[in-house]
């Protein structure tokens, strides 16, 4: 019984204290340029926008020239910020000296300006960015990198023309000579030679000098520079295993030497996902070639 009475007394006293506090706030006279926050967890009053709380009164914010009030102020921050085109220094707003080919940039906290595309900062000025012959500036607004024109390749700080042989296309990719043979041709030195397909073969799309550029059709395997038929047993099909063409038994058959035998599934059994073996359904268990009920 005692704990219940104690809890009741705690709630009663808490309500009395909060009520007394609210009455005190309402009765308290607000200073000029202040408003009632109606809060029980922080100061009961605060200053209106444009004024700062100094002890028990509100003082107007003194704005320097070319500045405006902030919408919100946190902690010890200044209650104002400089207008666009001006930079804060020693609690004053000084005009930003923007050099030729520059612009006012609010994101630049250092000096308040950045250079336009094609120029970079150097000793307080904007210097034209170097773009070599047969090149152009990229579309990024965040850097001044340049890209070589079509048909040219970057070599150091230059863009050199690429000599594309017949039956090839220009490709600006690392590790390649600047061109690639079209389908049906393979690179041989500085030229593209036509790939000669043997019977029962097809193009692979690989046309480098180290690749022959063709492969045998399913059911055939490479033999002496040509494609020879693979002896595929009944109930089997040809598959490609890496670079080789082999065969495997169809679903429901298993390989026994060089032939495919039917997988005999006993009663209360099922064919596994592999398709070449079986298992017993629950609650049966395997005994030899049968599925039998479990013994209690």
C-alpha atoms as a PDB file:
ATOM      1  CA  UNK A   1       0.000   0.000   0.000  1.00  0.00           C
ATOM      2  CA  UNK A   2       2.888   2.371   0.903  1.00  0.00           C
ATOM      3  CA  UNK A   3       4.421   2.337  -2.680  1.00  0.00           C
ATOM      4  CA  UNK A   4       1.046   3.249  -4.209  1.00  0.00           C
ATOM      5  CA  UNK A   5       0.619   6.194  -1.844  1.00  0.00           C
ATOM      6  CA  UNK A   6       4.202   7.345  -2.579  1.00  0.00           C
ATOM      7  CA  UNK A   7       3.609   7.294  -6.344  1.00  0.00           C
ATOM      8  CA  UNK A   8       0.393   9.248  -5.967  1.00  0.00           C
ATOM      9  CA  UNK A   9       2.106  11.901  -3.828  1.00  0.00           C
ATOM     10  CA  UNK A  10       4.922  12.221  -6.429  1.00  0.00           C
ATOM     11  CA  UNK A  11       2.474  12.845  -9.280  1.00  0.00           C
ATOM     12  CA  UNK A  12       0.493  15.328  -7.178  1.00  0.00           C
ATOM     13  CA  UNK A  13       3.569  17.334  -6.181  1.00  0.00           C
ATOM     14  CA  UNK A  14       4.860  17.365  -9.773  1.00  0.00           C
ATOM     15  CA  UNK A  15       1.576  18.796 -11.065  1.00  0.00           C
ATOM     16  CA  UNK A  16       1.581  21.449  -8.332  1.00  0.00           C
ATOM     17  CA  UNK A  17       5.148  22.520  -9.218  1.00  0.00           C
ATOM     18  CA  UNK A  18       4.394  22.738 -12.979  1.00  0.00           C
ATOM     19  CA  UNK A  19       1.212  24.696 -12.305  1.00  0.00           C
ATOM     20  CA  UNK A  20       3.087  27.107 -10.017  1.00  0.00           C
ATOM     21  CA  UNK A  21       5.827  27.558 -12.660  1.00  0.00           C
ATOM     22  CA  UNK A  22       3.293  28.333 -15.396  1.00  0.00           C
ATOM     23  CA  UNK A  23       1.525  30.847 -13.162  1.00  0.00           C
ATOM     24  CA  UNK A  24       4.871  32.495 -12.421  1.00  0.00           C
ATOM     25  CA  UNK A  25       5.722  32.763 -16.142  1.00  0.00           C
ATOM     26  CA  UNK A  26       2.365  34.280 -16.974  1.00  0.00           C
ATOM     27  CA  UNK A  27       2.764  36.765 -14.150  1.00  0.00           C
ATOM     28  CA  UNK A  28       6.375  37.579 -15.134  1.00  0.00           C
ATOM     29  CA  UNK A  29       6.730  40.766 -17.146  1.00  0.00           C
ATOM     30  CA  UNK A  30       8.382  40.200 -20.548  1.00  0.00           C
ATOM     31  CA  UNK A  31      11.197  42.567 -21.555  1.00  0.00           C
ATOM     32  CA  UNK A  32      10.775  44.745 -24.609  1.00  0.00           C
ATOM     33  CA  UNK A  33      11.160  42.962 -27.995  1.00  0.00           C
ATOM     34  CA  UNK A  34      10.662  39.529 -26.398  1.00  0.00           C
ATOM     35  CA  UNK A  35       8.031  36.801 -26.595  1.00  0.00           C
ATOM     36  CA  UNK A  36       6.772  34.057 -24.293  1.00  0.00           C
ATOM     37  CA  UNK A  37       8.161  30.621 -25.288  1.00  0.00           C
ATOM     38  CA  UNK A  38       5.584  28.763 -23.132  1.00  0.00           C
ATOM     39  CA  UNK A  39       8.301  26.226 -22.367  1.00  0.00           C
ATOM     40  CA  UNK A  40       8.861  24.373 -19.103  1.00  0.00           C
ATOM     41  CA  UNK A  41      12.212  22.933 -20.170  1.00  0.00           C
ATOM     42  CA  UNK A  42      14.145  26.059 -21.241  1.00  0.00           C
ATOM     43  CA  UNK A  43      14.028  29.838 -20.869  1.00  0.00           C
ATOM     44  CA  UNK A  44      10.447  31.104 -20.550  1.00  0.00           C
ATOM     45  CA  UNK A  45      11.065  33.937 -23.024  1.00  0.00           C
ATOM     46  CA  UNK A  46      13.261  34.757 -25.994  1.00  0.00           C
ATOM     47  CA  UNK A  47      14.005  37.765 -28.177  1.00  0.00           C
ATOM     48  CA  UNK A  48      12.222  38.414 -31.455  1.00  0.00           C
ATOM     49  CA  UNK A  49      14.051  38.268 -34.796  1.00  0.00           C
ATOM     50  CA  UNK A  50      16.659  41.025 -35.052  1.00  0.00           C
ATOM     51  CA  UNK A  51      17.382  41.150 -31.329  1.00  0.00           C
ATOM     52  CA  UNK A  52      19.838  39.289 -29.081  1.00  0.00           C
ATOM     53  CA  UNK A  53      19.235  38.145 -25.515  1.00  0.00           C
ATOM     54  CA  UNK A  54      21.654  39.961 -23.174  1.00  0.00           C
ATOM     55  CA  UNK A  55      21.061  38.913 -19.541  1.00  0.00           C
ATOM     56  CA  UNK A  56      17.479  40.073 -18.793  1.00  0.00           C
ATOM     57  CA  UNK A  57      16.777  42.226 -21.857  1.00  0.00           C
ATOM     58  CA  UNK A  58      16.869  42.215 -25.688  1.00  0.00           C
ATOM     59  CA  UNK A  59      19.316  44.357 -27.627  1.00  0.00           C
ATOM     60  CA  UNK A  60      18.976  45.131 -31.338  1.00  0.00           C
ATOM     61  CA  UNK A  61      21.497  43.422 -33.630  1.00  0.00           C
ATOM     62  CA  UNK A  62      23.967  45.929 -35.070  1.00  0.00           C
ATOM     63  CA  UNK A  63      24.342  45.131 -38.740  1.00  0.00           C
ATOM     64  CA  UNK A  64      27.508  46.190 -40.546  1.00  0.00           C
ATOM     65  CA  UNK A  65      27.182  47.699 -44.007  1.00  0.00           C
ATOM     66  CA  UNK A  66      26.294  45.229 -46.792  1.00  0.00           C
ATOM     67  CA  UNK A  67      24.961  42.575 -44.401  1.00  0.00           C
ATOM     68  CA  UNK A  68      21.576  41.037 -43.531  1.00  0.00           C
ATOM     69  CA  UNK A  69      20.097  39.065 -40.637  1.00  0.00           C
ATOM     70  CA  UNK A  70      20.212  35.270 -40.628  1.00  0.00           C
ATOM     71  CA  UNK A  71      16.939  33.376 -40.408  1.00  0.00           C
ATOM     72  CA  UNK A  72      18.261  31.242 -37.554  1.00  0.00           C
ATOM     73  CA  UNK A  73      21.231  31.525 -35.207  1.00  0.00           C
ATOM     74  CA  UNK A  74      22.861  28.589 -33.395  1.00  0.00           C
ATOM     75  CA  UNK A  75      25.168  28.873 -30.408  1.00  0.00           C
ATOM     76  CA  UNK A  76      27.836  31.565 -30.706  1.00  0.00           C
ATOM     77  CA  UNK A  77      27.309  32.226 -34.424  1.00  0.00           C
ATOM     78  CA  UNK A  78      27.053  35.756 -35.700  1.00  0.00           C
ATOM     79  CA  UNK A  79      23.399  36.739 -36.199  1.00  0.00           C
ATOM     80  CA  UNK A  80      24.125  38.180 -39.649  1.00  0.00           C
ATOM     81  CA  UNK A  81      25.862  37.297 -42.895  1.00  0.00           C
ATOM     82  CA  UNK A  82      27.331  39.384 -45.667  1.00  0.00           C
ATOM     83  CA  UNK A  83      25.352  40.155 -48.812  1.00  0.00           C
ATOM     84  CA  UNK A  84      26.307  38.422 -52.047  1.00  0.00           C
ATOM     85  CA  UNK A  85      29.461  39.989 -53.435  1.00  0.00           C
ATOM     86  CA  UNK A  86      30.865  40.714 -49.982  1.00  0.00           C
ATOM     87  CA  UNK A  87      33.083  38.649 -47.660  1.00  0.00           C
ATOM     88  CA  UNK A  88      33.176  38.691 -43.846  1.00  0.00           C
ATOM     89  CA  UNK A  89      36.416  39.817 -42.237  1.00  0.00           C
ATOM     90  CA  UNK A  90      36.914  41.335 -38.755  1.00  0.00           C
ATOM     91  CA  UNK A  91      33.109  41.489 -38.272  1.00  0.00           C
ATOM     92  CA  UNK A  92      32.772  43.667 -41.345  1.00  0.00           C
ATOM     93  CA  UNK A  93      31.661  42.956 -44.931  1.00  0.00           C
ATOM     94  CA  UNK A  94      34.288  43.799 -47.519  1.00  0.00           C
ATOM     95  CA  UNK A  95      33.613  43.869 -51.258  1.00  0.00           C
ATOM     96  CA  UNK A  96      34.999  40.831 -53.059  1.00  0.00           C
ATOM     97  CA  UNK A  97      37.619  41.748 -55.632  1.00  0.00           C
ATOM     98  CA  UNK A  98      36.718  39.427 -58.501  1.00  0.00           C
ATOM     99  CA  UNK A  99      39.456  39.173 -61.150  1.00  0.00           C
ATOM    100  CA  UNK A 100      38.867  39.005 -64.883  1.00  0.00           C
ATOM    101  CA  UNK A 101      37.331  35.682 -65.964  1.00  0.00           C
ATOM    102  CA  UNK A 102      36.122  35.062 -62.396  1.00  0.00           C
ATOM    103  CA  UNK A 103      32.746  35.150 -60.657  1.00  0.00           C
ATOM    104  CA  UNK A 104      31.358  35.469 -57.126  1.00  0.00           C
ATOM    105  CA  UNK A 105      31.110  31.989 -55.593  1.00  0.00           C
ATOM    106  CA  UNK A 106      29.280  31.552 -52.274  1.00  0.00           C
ATOM    107  CA  UNK A 107      30.843  28.093 -51.878  1.00  0.00           C
ATOM    108  CA  UNK A 108      34.352  29.532 -51.781  1.00  0.00           C
ATOM    109  CA  UNK A 109      34.992  30.423 -48.121  1.00  0.00           C
ATOM    110  CA  UNK A 110      38.578  31.468 -48.771  1.00  0.00           C
ATOM    111  CA  UNK A 111      38.214  34.453 -51.060  1.00  0.00           C
ATOM    112  CA  UNK A 112      34.589  34.356 -52.254  1.00  0.00           C
ATOM    113  CA  UNK A 113      35.267  33.837 -55.961  1.00  0.00           C
ATOM    114  CA  UNK A 114      36.088  31.129 -58.511  1.00  0.00           C
ATOM    115  CA  UNK A 115      37.256  31.095 -62.105  1.00  0.00           C
ATOM    116  CA  UNK A 116      34.942  30.436 -65.034  1.00  0.00           C
ATOM    117  CA  UNK A 117      35.279  27.259 -67.098  1.00  0.00           C
ATOM    118  CA  UNK A 118      38.595  27.117 -68.905  1.00  0.00           C
ATOM    119  CA  UNK A 119      40.472  29.143 -66.279  1.00  0.00           C
ATOM    120  CA  UNK A 120      42.178  28.254 -62.980  1.00  0.00           C
ATOM    121  CA  UNK A 121      43.232  30.256 -59.904  1.00  0.00           C
ATOM    122  CA  UNK A 122      46.822  31.447 -59.771  1.00  0.00           C
ATOM    123  CA  UNK A 123      48.126  34.193 -57.449  1.00  0.00           C
ATOM    124  CA  UNK A 124      44.770  35.975 -57.143  1.00  0.00           C
ATOM    125  CA  UNK A 125      43.915  35.881 -60.844  1.00  0.00           C
ATOM    126  CA  UNK A 126      42.291  33.528 -63.373  1.00  0.00           C
ATOM    127  CA  UNK A 127      44.751  32.052 -65.854  1.00  0.00           C
ATOM    128  CA  UNK A 128      43.590  30.341 -69.039  1.00  0.00           C
ATOM    129  CA  UNK A 129      43.797  26.565 -68.758  1.00  0.00           C
ATOM    130  CA  UNK A 130      46.135  24.890 -71.244  1.00  0.00           C
ATOM    131  CA  UNK A 131      44.281  22.994 -73.977  1.00  0.00           C
ATOM    132  CA  UNK A 132      46.506  21.382 -76.606  1.00  0.00           C
ATOM    133  CA  UNK A 133      45.790  21.308 -80.328  1.00  0.00           C
ATOM    134  CA  UNK A 134      43.088  18.827 -81.386  1.00  0.00           C
ATOM    135  CA  UNK A 135      41.522  18.834 -77.878  1.00  0.00           C
ATOM    136  CA  UNK A 136      38.595  20.439 -76.032  1.00  0.00           C
ATOM    137  CA  UNK A 137      37.514  21.011 -72.428  1.00  0.00           C
ATOM    138  CA  UNK A 138      35.196  18.367 -71.020  1.00  0.00           C
ATOM    139  CA  UNK A 139      31.624  19.114 -69.919  1.00  0.00           C
ATOM    140  CA  UNK A 140      32.363  18.985 -66.188  1.00  0.00           C
ATOM    141  CA  UNK A 141      31.916  22.255 -64.287  1.00  0.00           C
ATOM    142  CA  UNK A 142      34.077  21.003 -61.401  1.00  0.00           C
ATOM    143  CA  UNK A 143      37.415  20.623 -63.188  1.00  0.00           C
ATOM    144  CA  UNK A 144      39.311  21.790 -66.260  1.00  0.00           C
ATOM    145  CA  UNK A 145      40.348  18.525 -67.813  1.00  0.00           C
ATOM    146  CA  UNK A 146      40.646  18.333 -71.567  1.00  0.00           C
ATOM    147  CA  UNK A 147      39.782  15.527 -73.954  1.00  0.00           C
ATOM    148  CA  UNK A 148      41.271  14.745 -77.335  1.00  0.00           C
ATOM    149  CA  UNK A 149      39.117  15.115 -80.449  1.00  0.00           C
ATOM    150  CA  UNK A 150      37.745  12.023 -82.160  1.00  0.00           C
ATOM    151  CA  UNK A 151      40.529  10.256 -84.042  1.00  0.00           C
ATOM    152  CA  UNK A 152      43.232  11.532 -81.675  1.00  0.00           C
ATOM    153  CA  UNK A 153      44.827  10.040 -78.588  1.00  0.00           C
ATOM    154  CA  UNK A 154      46.385  11.620 -75.493  1.00  0.00           C
ATOM    155  CA  UNK A 155      50.145  11.194 -75.340  1.00  0.00           C
ATOM    156  CA  UNK A 156      51.633  13.248 -72.519  1.00  0.00           C
ATOM    157  CA  UNK A 157      50.231  16.770 -72.919  1.00  0.00           C
ATOM    158  CA  UNK A 158      49.490  16.367 -76.644  1.00  0.00           C
ATOM    159  CA  UNK A 159      46.740  14.869 -78.814  1.00  0.00           C
ATOM    160  CA  UNK A 160      48.237  12.822 -81.627  1.00  0.00           C
ATOM    161  CA  UNK A 161      46.301  11.560 -84.653  1.00  0.00           C
ATOM    162  CA  UNK A 162      45.691   7.789 -84.720  1.00  0.00           C
ATOM    163  CA  UNK A 163      46.288   5.976 -87.999  1.00  0.00           C
ATOM    164  CA  UNK A 164      43.308   3.608 -88.340  1.00  0.00           C
ATOM    165  CA  UNK A 165      43.876   0.779 -90.844  1.00  0.00           C
ATOM    166  CA  UNK A 166      41.280  -0.484 -93.304  1.00  0.00           C
ATOM    167  CA  UNK A 167      38.517  -2.651 -91.776  1.00  0.00           C
ATOM    168  CA  UNK A 168      39.065  -1.111 -88.328  1.00  0.00           C
ATOM    169  CA  UNK A 169      37.423   1.512 -86.110  1.00  0.00           C
ATOM    170  CA  UNK A 170      38.922   4.152 -83.811  1.00  0.00           C
ATOM    171  CA  UNK A 171      38.948   3.109 -80.113  1.00  0.00           C
ATOM    172  CA  UNK A 172      40.436   5.308 -77.382  1.00  0.00           C
ATOM    173  CA  UNK A 173      40.881   2.701 -74.665  1.00  0.00           C
ATOM    174  CA  UNK A 174      43.832   1.896 -72.429  1.00  0.00           C
ATOM    175  CA  UNK A 175      45.786  -1.171 -73.562  1.00  0.00           C
ATOM    176  CA  UNK A 176      44.740  -0.884 -77.210  1.00  0.00           C
ATOM    177  CA  UNK A 177      46.642   0.764 -80.106  1.00  0.00           C
ATOM    178  CA  UNK A 178      43.851   3.274 -80.722  1.00  0.00           C
ATOM    179  CA  UNK A 179      41.902   1.098 -83.121  1.00  0.00           C
ATOM    180  CA  UNK A 180      40.163  -2.271 -83.279  1.00  0.00           C
ATOM    181  CA  UNK A 181      39.361  -4.562 -86.180  1.00  0.00           C
ATOM    182  CA  UNK A 182      35.716  -4.890 -87.149  1.00  0.00           C
ATOM    183  CA  UNK A 183      33.903  -8.226 -86.821  1.00  0.00           C
ATOM    184  CA  UNK A 184      35.277 -10.858 -89.171  1.00  0.00           C
ATOM    185  CA  UNK A 185      38.809  -9.425 -89.118  1.00  0.00           C
ATOM    186  CA  UNK A 186      41.741  -9.821 -86.721  1.00  0.00           C
ATOM    187  CA  UNK A 187      44.718  -7.611 -85.949  1.00  0.00           C
ATOM    188  CA  UNK A 188      47.953  -8.590 -87.653  1.00  0.00           C
ATOM    189  CA  UNK A 189      50.629  -5.979 -87.002  1.00  0.00           C
ATOM    190  CA  UNK A 190      49.328  -2.616 -88.204  1.00  0.00           C
ATOM    191  CA  UNK A 191      46.543  -4.053 -90.365  1.00  0.00           C
ATOM    192  CA  UNK A 192      43.343  -6.111 -90.135  1.00  0.00           C
ATOM    193  CA  UNK A 193      43.205  -9.440 -91.961  1.00  0.00           C
ATOM    194  CA  UNK A 194      40.015 -11.339 -92.699  1.00  0.00           C
ATOM    195  CA  UNK A 195      39.363 -14.375 -90.502  1.00  0.00           C
ATOM    196  CA  UNK A 196      39.038 -17.590 -92.483  1.00  0.00           C
ATOM    197  CA  UNK A 197      36.278 -19.730 -90.978  1.00  0.00           C
ATOM    198  CA  UNK A 198      36.573 -23.504 -91.254  1.00  0.00           C
ATOM    199  CA  UNK A 199      33.460 -25.578 -91.870  1.00  0.00           C
ATOM    200  CA  UNK A 200      31.141 -25.905 -88.829  1.00  0.00           C
ATOM    201  CA  UNK A 201      32.688 -22.884 -87.065  1.00  0.00           C
ATOM    202  CA  UNK A 202      31.478 -19.423 -86.019  1.00  0.00           C
ATOM    203  CA  UNK A 203      33.045 -16.062 -85.166  1.00  0.00           C
ATOM    204  CA  UNK A 204      33.752 -15.374 -81.474  1.00  0.00           C
ATOM    205  CA  UNK A 205      34.012 -11.584 -81.584  1.00  0.00           C
ATOM    206  CA  UNK A 206      37.578 -11.836 -80.266  1.00  0.00           C
ATOM    207  CA  UNK A 207      39.829 -10.407 -82.914  1.00  0.00           C
ATOM    208  CA  UNK A 208      43.182  -9.775 -81.270  1.00  0.00           C
ATOM    209  CA  UNK A 209      46.418 -11.106 -82.701  1.00  0.00           C
ATOM    210  CA  UNK A 210      46.613 -13.805 -80.003  1.00  0.00           C
ATOM    211  CA  UNK A 211      43.114 -15.144 -80.717  1.00  0.00           C
ATOM    212  CA  UNK A 212      42.091 -17.067 -83.807  1.00  0.00           C
ATOM    213  CA  UNK A 213      38.695 -15.334 -83.851  1.00  0.00           C
ATOM    214  CA  UNK A 214      36.517 -18.420 -84.287  1.00  0.00           C
ATOM    215  CA  UNK A 215      35.163 -21.441 -82.410  1.00  0.00           C
ATOM    216  CA  UNK A 216      33.509 -24.695 -83.391  1.00  0.00           C
ATOM    217  CA  UNK A 217      29.724 -24.993 -83.392  1.00  0.00           C
ATOM    218  CA  UNK A 218      28.019 -27.067 -80.663  1.00  0.00           C
ATOM    219  CA  UNK A 219      28.526 -30.742 -81.467  1.00  0.00           C
ATOM    220  CA  UNK A 220      31.951 -30.129 -82.985  1.00  0.00           C
ATOM    221  CA  UNK A 221      35.430 -29.753 -81.544  1.00  0.00           C
ATOM    222  CA  UNK A 222      38.627 -28.217 -82.880  1.00  0.00           C
ATOM    223  CA  UNK A 223      40.882 -30.716 -84.601  1.00  0.00           C
ATOM    224  CA  UNK A 224      43.872 -29.997 -86.867  1.00  0.00           C
ATOM    225  CA  UNK A 225      42.764 -26.430 -87.645  1.00  0.00           C
ATOM    226  CA  UNK A 226      39.182 -27.474 -88.425  1.00  0.00           C
ATOM    227  CA  UNK A 227      36.038 -28.629 -86.620  1.00  0.00           C
ATOM    228  CA  UNK A 228      35.389 -32.363 -86.304  1.00  0.00           C
ATOM    229  CA  UNK A 229      32.054 -33.828 -85.203  1.00  0.00           C
ATOM    230  CA  UNK A 230      31.836 -35.067 -81.614  1.00  0.00           C
ATOM    231  CA  UNK A 231      30.475 -38.555 -81.051  1.00  0.00           C
ATOM    232  CA  UNK A 232      27.440 -37.757 -78.908  1.00  0.00           C
ATOM    233  CA  UNK A 233      25.675 -40.802 -77.467  1.00  0.00           C
ATOM    234  CA  UNK A 234      21.917 -41.223 -77.384  1.00  0.00           C
ATOM    235  CA  UNK A 235      20.095 -39.129 -74.721  1.00  0.00           C
ATOM    236  CA  UNK A 236      22.999 -36.676 -74.486  1.00  0.00           C
ATOM    237  CA  UNK A 237      23.616 -33.129 -75.703  1.00  0.00           C
ATOM    238  CA  UNK A 238      26.679 -31.064 -76.564  1.00  0.00           C
ATOM    239  CA  UNK A 239      27.813 -28.331 -74.149  1.00  0.00           C
ATOM    240  CA  UNK A 240      30.715 -25.876 -74.093  1.00  0.00           C
ATOM    241  CA  UNK A 241      33.112 -26.236 -71.183  1.00  0.00           C
ATOM    242  CA  UNK A 242      35.529 -23.306 -71.274  1.00  0.00           C
ATOM    243  CA  UNK A 243      37.235 -23.612 -74.677  1.00  0.00           C
ATOM    244  CA  UNK A 244      36.302 -27.267 -75.203  1.00  0.00           C
ATOM    245  CA  UNK A 245      33.060 -28.771 -76.482  1.00  0.00           C
ATOM    246  CA  UNK A 246      31.948 -31.871 -74.594  1.00  0.00           C
ATOM    247  CA  UNK A 247      28.683 -33.685 -73.962  1.00  0.00           C
ATOM    248  CA  UNK A 248      26.533 -34.451 -70.956  1.00  0.00           C
ATOM    249  CA  UNK A 249      23.513 -36.658 -70.382  1.00  0.00           C
ATOM    250  CA  UNK A 250      20.076 -35.111 -70.521  1.00  0.00           C
ATOM    251  CA  UNK A 251      17.962 -34.786 -67.379  1.00  0.00           C
ATOM    252  CA  UNK A 252      16.762 -38.173 -66.174  1.00  0.00           C
ATOM    253  CA  UNK A 253      19.891 -39.947 -67.453  1.00  0.00           C
ATOM    254  CA  UNK A 254      23.330 -40.561 -65.925  1.00  0.00           C
ATOM    255  CA  UNK A 255      26.657 -41.106 -67.652  1.00  0.00           C
ATOM    256  CA  UNK A 256      28.009 -44.649 -67.556  1.00  0.00           C
ATOM    257  CA  UNK A 257      31.300 -44.735 -69.451  1.00  0.00           C
ATOM    258  CA  UNK A 258      30.505 -43.474 -72.958  1.00  0.00           C
ATOM    259  CA  UNK A 259      26.712 -43.813 -72.828  1.00  0.00           C
ATOM    260  CA  UNK A 260      23.706 -42.363 -70.970  1.00  0.00           C
ATOM    261  CA  UNK A 261      21.549 -44.726 -68.922  1.00  0.00           C
ATOM    262  CA  UNK A 262      18.081 -43.960 -67.574  1.00  0.00           C
ATOM    263  CA  UNK A 263      17.886 -42.962 -63.908  1.00  0.00           C
ATOM    264  CA  UNK A 264      15.366 -45.404 -62.380  1.00  0.00           C
ATOM    265  CA  UNK A 265      13.470 -43.584 -59.618  1.00  0.00           C
ATOM    266  CA  UNK A 266      11.840 -46.020 -57.135  1.00  0.00           C
ATOM    267  CA  UNK A 267       8.425 -45.582 -55.572  1.00  0.00           C
ATOM    268  CA  UNK A 268       8.353 -42.738 -52.992  1.00  0.00           C
ATOM    269  CA  UNK A 269      11.453 -41.256 -54.571  1.00  0.00           C
ATOM    270  CA  UNK A 270      12.141 -38.170 -56.723  1.00  0.00           C
ATOM    271  CA  UNK A 271      14.710 -36.986 -59.256  1.00  0.00           C
ATOM    272  CA  UNK A 272      17.307 -34.621 -57.733  1.00  0.00           C
ATOM    273  CA  UNK A 273      17.960 -31.150 -59.139  1.00  0.00           C
ATOM    274  CA  UNK A 274      21.100 -32.413 -60.894  1.00  0.00           C
ATOM    275  CA  UNK A 275      18.869 -34.653 -63.006  1.00  0.00           C
ATOM    276  CA  UNK A 276      21.314 -37.566 -62.784  1.00  0.00           C
ATOM    277  CA  UNK A 277      20.432 -39.027 -59.362  1.00  0.00           C
ATOM    278  CA  UNK A 278      17.463 -39.632 -57.068  1.00  0.00           C
ATOM    279  CA  UNK A 279      16.550 -39.346 -53.370  1.00  0.00           C
ATOM    280  CA  UNK A 280      13.752 -40.541 -51.106  1.00  0.00           C
ATOM    281  CA  UNK A 281      10.839 -38.346 -50.086  1.00  0.00           C
ATOM    282  CA  UNK A 282      10.300 -37.748 -46.378  1.00  0.00           C
ATOM    283  CA  UNK A 283       9.721 -39.728 -44.173  1.00  0.00           C
ATOM    284  CA  UNK A 284      11.191 -42.531 -46.309  1.00  0.00           C
ATOM    285  CA  UNK A 285      14.851 -43.534 -46.348  1.00  0.00           C
ATOM    286  CA  UNK A 286      17.008 -45.198 -48.953  1.00  0.00           C
ATOM    287  CA  UNK A 287      17.762 -48.887 -48.714  1.00  0.00           C
ATOM    288  CA  UNK A 288      19.600 -50.157 -51.757  1.00  0.00           C
ATOM    289  CA  UNK A 289      17.580 -49.099 -54.797  1.00  0.00           C
ATOM    290  CA  UNK A 290      14.342 -48.598 -52.863  1.00  0.00           C
ATOM    291  CA  UNK A 291      12.685 -46.092 -50.547  1.00  0.00           C
ATOM    292  CA  UNK A 292      11.362 -47.740 -47.386  1.00  0.00           C
ATOM    293  CA  UNK A 293       9.433 -46.417 -44.393  1.00  0.00           C
ATOM    294  CA  UNK A 294      11.453 -45.517 -41.328  1.00  0.00           C
ATOM    295  CA  UNK A 295      11.223 -47.947 -38.442  1.00  0.00           C
ATOM    296  CA  UNK A 296       9.958 -46.600 -35.130  1.00  0.00           C
END
